[in-house]
Amino acid sequence: MKLSRRTILQGVGALPFAAASFGIDASAETEPLAAAPEVPPILFVHGNGDYDALWMTTMWRMESNGVARERMLAINFTDPLARSDDKVEQANRSSTEDQRRELAAAIAELKRRAGAARVALVGSSRGGYAIRNVIKKGGADDVSHAVLCGTPNHGVFATDDQPGSEFNGRGPFLRGLNEGESEVTPGPAFLTLRSDGMDKYAQPDGRFIGKPGVPTGITAEGPELKGATNLVLGALDHREVAFHPRAFREIYKFIAGREPARIAIAPEQRVRLSGLVTGTPGGVPTNRPVAGATVEIFRVDPETGERMGNAVHSSKTAADGRWGPAQVDPAWSLEFVLTSPDAPTTHIYRSPFPRSSDVVDLRAARPLGPADKDAGAVVIMSRPRGYFGLPRDVVLLDGKEPADVKPGVPTDSAAILRLPAADVGRNIVAQFGEERIVARAWPAAENRIAIAELTY
């Protein structure tokens, strides 16, 4: 077992990006990727309310270092959102035991598929709870490495309130995981990755969980574990400690035992995309498939967001909720149009996809509500793999810093722009760092919402 050590790793901005932006290595486009010396199969585990697609860029970077696509799997928990009380049933939400069972089944499937005795597990946030739980309850022999990224291992809070919450460091779930002199189960090698004070779920004040001025009993060191290798990744936020290129480097190095040959993503010449359409029954985000949804894909002009010709793909989901596959060029900017039952028609604008992926999951935008009643159009800027940090980041929506993004510790992953009727049809620029997406403002009167979804 690795001895615990606490290392502060700064220089977050000094990353070897290429191809103008996003860490895409254009020079590698025609180079065959060398097969990596044997790395255990890797199973990626998402966090609370999330989905497998968040690991897409990490999987691309793994592939760019020779890890075969078929030796990786990203789980999609059926009901990804935690219960308020772990022991009390709640519609479309999961208990810690629900997640343990689903993860154990996914481990068995990846072992079977790869013909391997053990797999490496990589989890973001709540996903680390499922990893620790499955290892502690008899799964240690199936796991070679456990990487916990931003997992609140000692709770989001540690108080006498909400004793049944799995996020309470004083609750039975976390006390059970953390009991003993060492907080890790013998066998697998454990690594924790955390932020240096920029994780909203590792804060001493409760303002980020709706209790300003109330001590949480938690510090920035909350994700660390006695008995693990504990690394601090500088000013990354709660999600970036899992999905940022800086996090990828540490994940790969820990599992493979060597530095990655490249951080940048090596593009493919032919890109095939597919994924799952999911829904929000009762307003709760789930990974339950939606049947009868239509997915259309258009190539758009990256400077204007205007469509370039007819749809390059159109399909309708069956009971399994799957759409695709669609073949696109790795240089194309894209508009996905999702028409899902009982939901707004959602126009999702995306940067080019440099590599193929079968986890391009789509979920319709939330319904138009009272706050939108006077809007001619609604455009949402979304960053699923991280938060918007001001003044840390360049964040511009229609040429201005969004008013609904709070400064300081990054807490917001979406910004909303409501436009007057006169602006319907106008092109809207969403800019985060070097990633720039141009969307179109669609009429809210037709129950349409546009999303500029950032990939990086």
Protein backbone atom coordinates (compact mmCIF):
# COMPACT_ATOMS: atom_id res chain seq x y z
CA MET A 1 0.00 0.00 0.00
CA LYS A 2 1.20 3.49 -0.77
CA LEU A 3 2.09 5.71 2.17
CA SER A 4 0.06 8.87 2.56
CA ARG A 5 1.69 12.03 1.30
CA ARG A 6 0.37 15.54 0.75
CA THR A 7 1.79 17.28 -2.30
CA ILE A 8 0.74 20.67 -3.63
CA LEU A 9 0.92 20.72 -7.43
CA GLN A 10 0.56 24.19 -8.89
CA GLY A 11 1.13 25.56 -12.39
CA VAL A 12 -2.37 24.61 -13.53
CA GLY A 13 -2.17 26.90 -16.54
CA ALA A 14 1.11 25.53 -17.85
CA LEU A 15 -0.37 22.74 -19.97
CA PRO A 16 0.97 21.61 -23.36
CA PHE A 17 -2.09 22.58 -25.44
CA ALA A 18 -1.89 22.45 -29.23
CA ALA A 19 -4.09 23.04 -32.29
CA ALA A 20 -4.99 26.55 -31.13
CA SER A 21 -7.10 25.37 -28.20
CA PHE A 22 -8.53 22.63 -25.97
CA GLY A 23 -5.44 20.37 -25.88
CA ILE A 24 -5.93 18.80 -29.31
CA ASP A 25 -2.71 17.63 -30.95
CA ALA A 26 -3.24 18.19 -34.67
CA SER A 27 0.24 16.87 -35.43
CA ALA A 28 -0.87 13.45 -34.19
CA GLU A 29 -3.77 13.21 -36.65
CA THR A 30 -2.02 10.87 -39.08
CA GLU A 31 0.22 9.16 -36.54
CA PRO A 32 -0.84 5.66 -35.47
CA LEU A 33 -1.20 5.52 -31.70
CA ALA A 34 1.20 3.03 -30.18
CA ALA A 35 -0.41 0.46 -27.94
CA ALA A 36 0.34 1.24 -24.31
CA PRO A 37 2.17 -1.37 -22.25
CA GLU A 38 -0.49 -3.30 -20.36
CA VAL A 39 -2.63 -0.99 -18.26
CA PRO A 40 -5.48 -2.50 -16.27
CA PRO A 41 -8.96 -1.96 -17.69
CA ILE A 42 -10.40 1.32 -16.38
CA LEU A 43 -13.94 1.91 -15.16
CA PHE A 44 -15.01 5.56 -14.77
CA VAL A 45 -17.65 6.47 -12.17
CA HIS A 46 -19.56 9.76 -12.33
CA GLY A 47 -20.86 11.86 -9.46
CA ASN A 48 -24.16 12.99 -7.97
CA GLY A 49 -26.79 13.73 -10.61
CA ASP A 50 -24.27 13.24 -13.42
CA TYR A 51 -23.76 10.83 -16.33
CA ASP A 52 -21.09 8.85 -18.16
CA ALA A 53 -20.51 11.50 -20.87
CA LEU A 54 -18.48 13.62 -18.45
CA TRP A 55 -15.60 11.16 -18.87
CA MET A 56 -15.51 11.56 -22.67
CA THR A 57 -12.46 13.86 -22.83
CA THR A 58 -10.60 11.73 -20.24
CA MET A 59 -11.28 8.62 -22.33
CA TRP A 60 -10.05 10.43 -25.45
CA ARG A 61 -6.81 11.28 -23.65
CA MET A 62 -6.46 7.66 -22.53
CA GLU A 63 -6.97 6.49 -26.12
CA SER A 64 -4.39 9.05 -27.26
CA ASN A 65 -1.92 7.28 -24.97
CA GLY A 66 -2.65 3.85 -26.44
CA VAL A 67 -5.31 2.60 -24.03
CA ALA A 68 -7.74 0.58 -26.15
CA ARG A 69 -11.31 1.86 -26.22
CA GLU A 70 -12.69 -1.59 -25.45
CA ARG A 71 -10.68 -1.71 -22.20
CA MET A 72 -12.55 1.27 -20.78
CA LEU A 73 -16.09 1.63 -19.50
CA ALA A 74 -18.00 4.57 -18.02
CA ILE A 75 -20.94 3.61 -15.84
CA ASN A 76 -24.31 5.36 -16.07
CA PHE A 77 -26.08 4.99 -12.73
CA THR A 78 -29.81 4.57 -13.36
CA ASP A 79 -30.77 7.16 -10.74
CA PRO A 80 -27.65 9.27 -10.18
CA LEU A 81 -29.05 11.69 -7.58
CA ALA A 82 -28.67 10.78 -3.89
CA ARG A 83 -31.57 10.43 -1.49
CA SER A 84 -32.06 13.08 1.20
CA ASP A 85 -31.88 10.23 3.73
CA ASP A 86 -29.93 7.20 2.56
CA LYS A 87 -32.34 4.76 4.23
CA VAL A 88 -35.60 6.36 3.06
CA GLU A 89 -36.89 5.61 -0.44
CA GLN A 90 -37.25 8.62 -2.71
CA ALA A 91 -38.58 8.57 -6.27
CA ASN A 92 -35.91 8.46 -8.98
CA ARG A 93 -33.07 8.76 -6.46
CA SER A 94 -30.53 6.18 -5.35
CA SER A 95 -29.14 4.89 -2.08
CA THR A 96 -25.50 4.08 -1.46
CA GLU A 97 -26.46 0.41 -1.67
CA ASP A 98 -28.16 0.94 -5.07
CA GLN A 99 -24.96 2.44 -6.40
CA ARG A 100 -22.78 -0.27 -4.87
CA ARG A 101 -24.82 -2.97 -6.62
CA GLU A 102 -24.73 -1.22 -10.01
CA LEU A 103 -20.99 -0.60 -9.75
CA ALA A 104 -20.28 -4.21 -8.76
CA ALA A 105 -22.17 -5.37 -11.87
CA ALA A 106 -20.20 -2.96 -14.06
CA ILE A 107 -16.91 -4.22 -12.61
CA ALA A 108 -17.90 -7.80 -13.41
CA GLU A 109 -18.86 -6.80 -16.96
CA LEU A 110 -15.58 -4.97 -17.64
CA LYS A 111 -13.56 -7.88 -16.20
CA ARG A 112 -15.44 -10.26 -18.48
CA ARG A 113 -15.08 -8.04 -21.54
CA ALA A 114 -11.37 -7.40 -21.01
CA GLY A 115 -10.51 -10.87 -19.73
CA ALA A 116 -8.83 -9.29 -16.70
CA ALA A 117 -8.63 -10.29 -13.05
CA ARG A 118 -8.75 -6.72 -11.75
CA VAL A 119 -9.78 -3.27 -12.95
CA ALA A 120 -8.85 0.30 -12.03
CA LEU A 121 -11.66 2.53 -10.77
CA VAL A 122 -11.74 6.32 -11.24
CA GLY A 123 -14.52 8.28 -9.55
CA SER A 124 -15.69 11.88 -9.47
CA SER A 125 -17.26 13.25 -6.29
CA ARG A 126 -20.06 10.90 -5.12
CA GLY A 127 -18.68 8.26 -7.51
CA GLY A 128 -15.84 7.83 -5.04
CA TYR A 129 -18.34 6.75 -2.39
CA ALA A 130 -19.54 3.90 -4.61
CA ILE A 131 -15.93 2.91 -5.28
CA ARG A 132 -14.99 2.83 -1.60
CA ASN A 133 -18.21 1.01 -0.71
CA VAL A 134 -17.79 -1.74 -3.31
CA ILE A 135 -14.16 -2.26 -2.30
CA LYS A 136 -14.95 -2.35 1.43
CA LYS A 137 -17.82 -4.80 0.98
CA GLY A 138 -15.91 -7.65 -0.63
CA GLY A 139 -14.65 -6.13 -3.88
CA ALA A 140 -11.01 -5.43 -2.98
CA ASP A 141 -9.68 -8.39 -4.97
CA ASP A 142 -11.35 -7.07 -8.14
CA VAL A 143 -9.67 -3.65 -8.01
CA SER A 144 -6.06 -2.73 -8.69
CA HIS A 145 -6.32 1.07 -8.30
CA ALA A 146 -8.90 3.44 -6.84
CA VAL A 147 -8.69 7.12 -7.83
CA LEU A 148 -11.07 9.44 -5.97
CA CYS A 149 -11.43 12.91 -7.54
CA GLY A 150 -12.98 15.57 -5.33
CA THR A 151 -14.79 12.90 -3.33
CA PRO A 152 -16.04 14.43 -0.04
CA ASN A 153 -14.55 11.57 1.94
CA HIS A 154 -15.21 13.24 5.29
CA GLY A 155 -18.49 14.77 4.21
CA VAL A 156 -19.79 17.91 2.61
CA PHE A 157 -20.70 18.74 6.20
CA ALA A 158 -20.08 17.03 9.53
CA THR A 159 -22.82 18.18 11.89
CA ASP A 160 -25.78 16.85 13.87
CA ASP A 161 -28.18 17.98 11.14
CA GLN A 162 -29.42 15.47 8.53
CA PRO A 163 -27.92 12.40 10.25
CA GLY A 164 -29.20 10.10 7.47
CA SER A 165 -27.49 11.96 4.64
CA GLU A 166 -24.64 10.07 3.01
CA PHE A 167 -22.84 13.43 2.71
CA ASN A 168 -22.76 13.92 6.48
CA GLY A 169 -19.32 13.10 7.84
CA ARG A 170 -20.93 12.17 11.16
CA GLY A 171 -23.51 9.92 9.53
CA PRO A 172 -23.39 6.12 9.57
CA PHE A 173 -22.33 5.74 5.94
CA LEU A 174 -19.13 7.80 6.09
CA ARG A 175 -18.32 6.73 9.64
CA GLY A 176 -18.43 3.15 8.39
CA LEU A 177 -16.14 3.89 5.44
CA ASN A 178 -13.65 5.87 7.54
CA GLU A 179 -13.39 3.65 10.62
CA GLY A 180 -9.98 2.34 11.61
CA GLU A 181 -6.47 3.76 11.76
CA SER A 182 -6.20 3.60 7.97
CA GLU A 183 -9.15 4.95 6.03
CA VAL A 184 -8.55 2.77 2.97
CA THR A 185 -9.29 -0.92 2.46
CA PRO A 186 -6.13 -3.06 2.11
CA GLY A 187 -5.33 -4.32 -1.39
CA PRO A 188 -6.00 -1.65 -4.02
CA ALA A 189 -3.72 1.38 -4.35
CA PHE A 190 -5.62 4.56 -3.45
CA LEU A 191 -5.13 8.08 -4.82
CA THR A 192 -7.13 11.17 -3.87
CA LEU A 193 -7.12 14.37 -5.93
CA ARG A 194 -8.40 17.61 -4.44
CA SER A 195 -8.46 21.36 -4.89
CA ASP A 196 -6.43 23.92 -2.97
CA GLY A 197 -9.44 25.74 -1.54
CA MET A 198 -11.56 26.09 -4.71
CA ASP A 199 -13.88 23.09 -4.19
CA LYS A 200 -17.34 24.30 -3.17
CA TYR A 201 -18.01 21.02 -1.38
CA ALA A 202 -14.89 21.24 0.79
CA GLN A 203 -15.47 24.56 2.53
CA PRO A 204 -15.54 25.50 6.24
CA ASP A 205 -18.57 27.80 5.77
CA GLY A 206 -21.97 26.46 4.78
CA ARG A 207 -22.84 29.20 2.28
CA PHE A 208 -22.36 26.83 -0.67
CA ILE A 209 -24.86 24.34 0.75
CA GLY A 210 -27.47 26.95 1.62
CA LYS A 211 -26.33 27.67 5.20
CA PRO A 212 -24.22 30.84 5.12
CA GLY A 213 -22.36 31.54 8.33
CA VAL A 214 -22.85 28.01 9.67
CA PRO A 215 -19.63 25.99 10.14
CA THR A 216 -19.61 22.75 8.16
CA GLY A 217 -16.89 21.02 10.15
CA ILE A 218 -15.09 20.40 6.83
CA THR A 219 -11.93 21.93 5.37
CA ALA A 220 -10.20 21.85 2.00
CA GLU A 221 -8.44 18.68 3.20
CA GLY A 222 -11.76 16.82 3.49
CA PRO A 223 -11.22 14.65 0.37
CA GLU A 224 -7.91 13.25 1.67
CA LEU A 225 -7.68 9.77 3.20
CA LYS A 226 -5.25 8.30 5.69
CA GLY A 227 -3.43 5.47 3.89
CA ALA A 228 -3.85 6.95 0.39
CA THR A 229 -1.60 9.01 -1.83
CA ASN A 230 -3.12 12.49 -1.50
CA LEU A 231 -2.43 15.13 -4.15
CA VAL A 232 -3.53 18.77 -4.33
CA LEU A 233 -4.08 20.13 -7.84
CA GLY A 234 -3.97 23.86 -7.20
CA ALA A 235 -6.91 26.14 -7.99
CA LEU A 236 -9.05 23.57 -9.81
CA ASP A 237 -12.73 23.38 -8.87
CA HIS A 238 -14.85 20.46 -7.66
CA ARG A 239 -15.35 18.95 -11.13
CA GLU A 240 -12.03 19.95 -12.66
CA VAL A 241 -10.13 17.75 -10.21
CA ALA A 242 -11.66 14.87 -12.18
CA PHE A 243 -11.99 16.14 -15.76
CA HIS A 244 -9.24 18.74 -16.29
CA PRO A 245 -6.11 17.76 -18.31
CA ARG A 246 -4.14 18.32 -15.09
CA ALA A 247 -6.22 15.64 -13.39
CA PHE A 248 -5.83 13.30 -16.37
CA ARG A 249 -2.07 13.40 -15.99
CA GLU A 250 -2.23 12.24 -12.37
CA ILE A 251 -4.89 9.61 -13.06
CA TYR A 252 -2.90 8.10 -15.93
CA LYS A 253 0.42 8.26 -14.08
CA PHE A 254 -0.99 6.56 -11.00
CA ILE A 255 -2.63 3.72 -12.92
CA ALA A 256 0.01 3.21 -15.63
CA GLY A 257 3.03 3.86 -13.42
CA ARG A 258 4.54 6.37 -15.85
CA GLU A 259 3.93 9.80 -17.31
CA PRO A 260 1.51 9.96 -20.25
CA ALA A 261 3.20 10.32 -23.62
CA ARG A 262 0.83 13.20 -24.42
CA ILE A 263 -1.76 15.27 -22.63
CA ALA A 264 -3.29 16.53 -25.87
CA ILE A 265 -6.06 14.62 -27.65
CA ALA A 266 -4.97 12.97 -30.92
CA PRO A 267 -7.75 13.46 -33.52
CA GLU A 268 -9.14 10.64 -35.62
CA GLN A 269 -9.77 10.98 -39.35
CA ARG A 270 -13.28 9.48 -39.06
CA VAL A 271 -15.52 10.20 -36.12
CA ARG A 272 -18.63 8.20 -35.15
CA LEU A 273 -20.90 9.51 -32.42
CA SER A 274 -23.73 7.88 -30.51
CA GLY A 275 -25.24 8.02 -27.07
CA LEU A 276 -28.28 7.90 -24.86
CA VAL A 277 -31.27 10.23 -24.55
CA THR A 278 -32.26 10.51 -20.89
CA GLY A 279 -35.05 12.24 -19.01
CA THR A 280 -36.01 14.08 -15.84
CA PRO A 281 -39.16 12.41 -14.47
CA GLY A 282 -40.66 14.61 -11.79
CA GLY A 283 -37.92 17.15 -12.42
CA VAL A 284 -35.21 14.75 -11.18
CA PRO A 285 -32.21 14.15 -13.49
CA THR A 286 -31.91 10.44 -14.26
CA ASN A 287 -30.11 8.19 -16.72
CA ARG A 288 -33.31 6.38 -17.58
CA PRO A 289 -33.71 6.03 -21.37
CA VAL A 290 -36.31 8.07 -23.23
CA ALA A 291 -38.15 6.38 -26.10
CA GLY A 292 -39.60 8.30 -29.02
CA ALA A 293 -37.08 11.14 -28.97
CA THR A 294 -35.74 12.49 -32.25
CA VAL A 295 -32.09 13.51 -32.65
CA GLU A 296 -30.97 15.56 -35.62
CA ILE A 297 -27.42 16.77 -36.22
CA PHE A 298 -26.46 19.72 -38.39
CA ARG A 299 -23.05 21.01 -39.38
CA VAL A 300 -22.85 24.72 -38.48
CA ASP A 301 -20.55 27.58 -39.36
CA PRO A 302 -18.22 28.04 -36.36
CA GLU A 303 -18.23 31.82 -36.82
CA THR A 304 -21.97 32.35 -37.16
CA GLY A 305 -23.71 29.22 -35.84
CA GLU A 306 -25.75 29.05 -39.04
CA ARG A 307 -26.53 25.63 -40.50
CA MET A 308 -24.49 24.44 -43.46
CA GLY A 309 -26.94 22.30 -45.41
CA ASN A 310 -29.41 19.64 -44.38
CA ALA A 311 -29.14 17.37 -41.36
CA VAL A 312 -26.14 15.02 -41.50
CA HIS A 313 -27.95 12.61 -39.16
CA SER A 314 -31.49 11.93 -37.98
CA SER A 315 -32.73 9.09 -35.79
CA LYS A 316 -35.50 8.25 -33.35
CA THR A 317 -34.89 6.45 -30.09
CA ALA A 318 -36.45 3.10 -29.27
CA ALA A 319 -37.06 1.70 -25.79
CA ASP A 320 -33.32 1.63 -25.04
CA GLY A 321 -33.04 5.40 -25.59
CA ARG A 322 -30.01 5.04 -27.87
CA TRP A 323 -29.43 7.37 -30.80
CA GLY A 324 -26.87 7.11 -33.63
CA PRO A 325 -24.40 6.24 -34.84
CA ALA A 326 -23.64 9.40 -36.79
CA GLN A 327 -20.50 9.94 -38.84
CA VAL A 328 -19.08 13.47 -38.75
CA ASP A 329 -15.87 15.23 -39.65
CA PRO A 330 -13.57 15.99 -36.68
CA ALA A 331 -13.36 19.64 -37.82
CA TRP A 332 -17.13 20.29 -37.85
CA SER A 333 -18.93 22.45 -35.31
CA LEU A 334 -22.30 20.84 -34.65
CA GLU A 335 -25.87 21.57 -33.65
CA PHE A 336 -27.81 18.71 -32.05
CA VAL A 337 -31.59 19.15 -32.11
CA LEU A 338 -33.32 17.02 -29.48
CA THR A 339 -37.09 16.69 -29.68
CA SER A 340 -38.05 14.74 -26.59
CA PRO A 341 -41.60 13.99 -25.33
CA ASP A 342 -43.01 16.57 -22.89
CA ALA A 343 -39.90 18.77 -23.04
CA PRO A 344 -38.73 21.86 -24.91
CA THR A 345 -37.11 21.33 -28.29
CA THR A 346 -33.45 21.70 -27.33
CA HIS A 347 -30.80 23.04 -29.72
CA ILE A 348 -27.38 21.98 -28.38
CA TYR A 349 -24.35 23.64 -29.99
CA ARG A 350 -21.01 21.86 -29.63
CA SER A 351 -17.37 22.33 -30.54
CA PRO A 352 -15.88 19.82 -33.02
CA PHE A 353 -15.50 16.24 -31.75
CA PRO A 354 -11.88 15.20 -32.43
CA ARG A 355 -12.52 11.51 -31.68
CA SER A 356 -15.36 9.01 -31.74
CA SER A 357 -17.53 8.48 -28.69
CA ASP A 358 -20.52 6.36 -27.71
CA VAL A 359 -21.27 8.41 -24.59
CA VAL A 360 -22.60 11.55 -26.27
CA ASP A 361 -25.63 11.58 -24.00
CA LEU A 362 -28.41 14.10 -24.55
CA ARG A 363 -30.99 15.40 -22.10
CA ALA A 364 -33.65 17.98 -22.95
CA ALA A 365 -33.40 21.42 -21.38
CA ARG A 366 -35.50 22.22 -18.34
CA PRO A 367 -39.01 23.55 -19.07
CA LEU A 368 -39.47 27.23 -19.67
CA GLY A 369 -40.60 28.75 -16.37
CA PRO A 370 -41.96 31.96 -14.86
CA ALA A 371 -38.57 33.67 -15.10
CA ASP A 372 -38.66 33.14 -18.87
CA LYS A 373 -42.21 34.43 -19.49
CA ASP A 374 -41.10 37.76 -20.99
CA ALA A 375 -38.16 36.33 -22.95
CA GLY A 376 -38.24 36.07 -26.71
CA ALA A 377 -35.40 33.55 -26.54
CA VAL A 378 -33.42 31.70 -23.88
CA VAL A 379 -29.78 30.70 -24.38
CA ILE A 380 -27.91 28.66 -21.77
CA MET A 381 -24.12 28.41 -21.58
CA SER A 382 -23.23 25.10 -19.91
CA ARG A 383 -19.94 23.64 -18.69
CA PRO A 384 -20.56 20.06 -17.52
CA ARG A 385 -16.89 19.23 -16.73
CA GLY A 386 -16.23 22.21 -14.51
CA TYR A 387 -17.57 25.43 -13.06
CA PHE A 388 -17.21 29.05 -14.11
CA GLY A 389 -14.75 30.85 -11.86
CA LEU A 390 -14.53 34.64 -11.78
CA PRO A 391 -12.01 36.21 -11.94
CA ARG A 392 -10.13 32.92 -12.46
CA ASP A 393 -11.57 32.26 -15.93
CA VAL A 394 -12.50 34.11 -19.09
CA VAL A 395 -16.30 33.71 -19.15
CA LEU A 396 -18.26 35.70 -21.72
CA LEU A 397 -21.83 35.22 -22.92
CA ASP A 398 -22.89 37.56 -25.72
CA GLY A 399 -19.80 39.66 -25.05
CA LYS A 400 -20.34 40.14 -21.29
CA GLU A 401 -19.52 38.35 -18.07
CA PRO A 402 -22.77 36.60 -17.06
CA ALA A 403 -24.49 38.31 -14.15
CA ASP A 404 -25.56 34.94 -12.69
CA VAL A 405 -22.00 33.64 -12.30
CA LYS A 406 -20.81 34.41 -8.79
CA PRO A 407 -17.17 35.46 -8.20
CA GLY A 408 -14.79 33.64 -5.87
CA VAL A 409 -15.02 29.90 -5.29
CA PRO A 410 -16.45 28.45 -8.55
CA THR A 411 -20.03 27.31 -7.96
CA ASP A 412 -21.91 27.76 -11.24
CA SER A 413 -21.79 25.44 -14.25
CA ALA A 414 -24.46 27.25 -16.27
CA ALA A 415 -25.28 30.83 -17.22
CA ILE A 416 -28.60 31.97 -18.69
CA LEU A 417 -29.22 34.73 -21.23
CA ARG A 418 -32.79 35.91 -21.78
CA LEU A 419 -33.29 37.95 -24.93
CA PRO A 420 -36.13 40.18 -26.16
CA ALA A 421 -38.31 39.04 -29.06
CA ALA A 422 -36.42 41.38 -31.40
CA ASP A 423 -33.28 39.27 -30.88
CA VAL A 424 -34.81 35.95 -31.93
CA GLY A 425 -32.63 34.46 -34.66
CA ARG A 426 -29.55 36.40 -33.58
CA ASN A 427 -26.24 34.61 -33.14
CA ILE A 428 -24.91 34.43 -29.57
CA VAL A 429 -21.25 33.82 -28.73
CA ALA A 430 -20.37 31.75 -25.66
CA GLN A 431 -16.70 32.02 -24.70
CA PHE A 432 -14.89 30.10 -21.96
CA GLY A 433 -11.11 30.37 -22.06
CA GLU A 434 -10.12 29.37 -25.57
CA GLU A 435 -13.32 27.46 -26.36
CA ARG A 436 -15.76 29.53 -28.40
CA ILE A 437 -19.23 28.33 -29.42
CA VAL A 438 -21.68 30.32 -31.52
CA ALA A 439 -25.34 29.47 -30.93
CA ARG A 440 -28.58 30.77 -32.40
CA ALA A 441 -31.38 32.31 -30.33
CA TRP A 442 -34.49 30.23 -31.05
CA PRO A 443 -38.00 31.49 -30.30
CA ALA A 444 -39.21 30.65 -26.79
CA ALA A 445 -42.77 31.03 -28.08
CA GLU A 446 -42.19 27.78 -29.98
CA ASN A 447 -41.03 26.07 -26.75
CA ARG A 448 -37.39 26.05 -27.85
CA ILE A 449 -34.20 26.56 -25.82
CA ALA A 450 -30.61 26.82 -27.07
CA ILE A 451 -27.64 25.44 -25.14
CA ALA A 452 -24.01 26.25 -25.90
CA GLU A 453 -22.42 23.19 -24.27
CA LEU A 454 -18.71 23.43 -23.61
CA THR A 455 -16.61 20.31 -24.10
CA TYR A 456 -13.50 21.45 -22.19
